[in-house]
């Protein structure tokens, strides 16, 4: 398909808006209608976009005429670079546009294709995958819509099995909005991701004191968004770029003033975490790192290098700024734009002529000139800075006098990620994270064993393993799978057993006994094993009888009351026999593997995390000054263990199976004294067990 080959570049969000072009037929000229749609959409979004500082590129639209399977539409491409928040802000803008304008259908994707589905991966239907989702995901009426795959002949006439025409898909969403609307769980996942916009953009704004040349302060006062290309110019500098910074031509350090500069948190972090020493010939001298003024001097020096690199590149390319493409701030187009701002209370009820009203009007005028241009000329930030330097009046002394009235910089403690804040972030991103304790504060280890049983018994395919989900059992729409070959094999074994004239001893081999929850014993058929398997098992038992492998397993406790069971072979009777506790061994081995990871990612944490199980910190290690999750191995009420005595010989039964004495307490851990620090109790199979 043509659309499948149109891959999106890395760190780029591509969005297409399909307005309702009424009264126009296929192949007609829709350029004037699309231009009017651009004006309407930007006018509606302008109150939200005026004060935004983008990481690299902003929200922009251009008209695209009909071509092949693509109908006439508006296309936008935004390189969000290192700040993925800009991409989700664009998602929020598109949802708002489709909610406001009737008939508008939109789609957005990036290098990960349908990244909206990745956000809602836990709630997607099973048939939806990267291959089947091609050209089926759209935004309409402020909601996510997914064109389903037809499951019946009646649906085949409505929904296409393979979507090759984007125009047909858009019309399908408009015609059948209820049938294509995504499930509520998917809608909730997307809404939770974008519900804090546009306030989140303001919350992620950071004001910092920067000791910068007065010319840069004047430029940023005129257009604060120019701080982003300056930071990027410094962040991605190379030795050739730094040649112009040996002797500053545009921004000399002798004109520096303290300026309260507005950045985004991402831009601020990029400046702070760059270790850079200026060239001695540049005249930039920084105070000691212990000085309280170091941060402002360091930020100002880096910003000045970025602006110098920008201007030098623009001058070398022959760009000196050009404002001939700016639209006139008058006429019906401008009046409609101002009226939309008033309807959305952009001027905050201020009277015309007041200082705040004039400032807001100036910001609106700048946004109008930058986004409603008559040409598609690419912007050059360096050329724009050079143009502003020619027109701005830089009052160095006045800015130095105003330094004492500056507001304090914002606190940057948000850059330090604590374990508590990380846990809070994980809880917000995962509904079952950190909910593994009951009301008594006791961690239930039985959940690990239960989830592992469900995981082992779950259905897997070539696409991977399916982790247990508590909601699957009650899901009425869950798929019912029937293993035909397994059913036939079971029937054949049943008939073979009925036709065989076996004696009572063979009957005991063909049947086994198991105990249910009520303590009753039930008889069940066992699958025949090939003779070779029994031979291998005997050889393995003989090899293991010479080792201490059996002592490493946890055994079940002896029961005081014996339940009467059917008579067994005399070789299987042993008064000292203790069966292995499978659940306890599973939990113990998982905890030991989890502790061996020492807080790093590994297979055990991945498996438990997919099951929704979060292991709490080991309180014993935390009290000893450590912060690892090595599982405890001692009993709660054990006294200091004496020196180990010589091990008795391993007893072996007549049938070759290994028998071991009851396990002894393990030796104390290194660095422990006394009887050990008490640990939290843990439940396993509804019984309190010390682990």
Foldseek 3Di string as FASTA:
>chain_A
DVVVPPAADPQKKKKKKDADPPPDDPPDDCQVVQLVVQLVLCLLCVLLPLPFQALFDAWAWDWDDDDDLRHTIIMTMDRRDPDCVRVLLVVVSVLVVQQVHPLMKMDMQHNVGRVLCVLLVVPADPVDDPVQQPLQWMHHNSAIFGQDADDDPVCCVQGPNDDPHNVSNSVSCNVCVPVGTGDPSSRVSSCLVNVCPPVVSVVQKFWDKAFAALLVLQVCVLPVNLLSQLLVQLLPDDPVLCVCQLAQDPTASVLTAIDTHIDGNVSLVSQVPDDDDHHPSHVQDADDPPDPCRVNSSSRVSSSSSLSSLQVVCVVVVQQDDQPQFDDCDDPSNVVSVVSCVVVCSLVPDDPPDPSNVVSVSSSSVVNRVRVTPDPDDDRSNNVSNVCSVPDDRDSVVRRVCRVVDDHTDDPCVVDDDPVNVQVVVCSSDVLAPVQADPVRAGALQVVLVQVVCQVPFDADPVGGDGDDPCQVVDPPHDDDDDPVVVVVVVVVVVVVVPDPDDPVVVPVQWDWDADPVRDIDIDGDDDDDPVVVVVVLVVLQVCLVDCVVLVFAFDDDDPDDRDDDDDDPLPDDPQATHGDVSVRVSLVLQQVQQVCFPPDDDSCVSCVSNSHDDDWWVQQVVVVHTTRHDDQFFQPDWQDDDDDDADRWDATPSSHTGDGHHDRDHDDPPDDTRGDGGRWYHHPNHIDGD
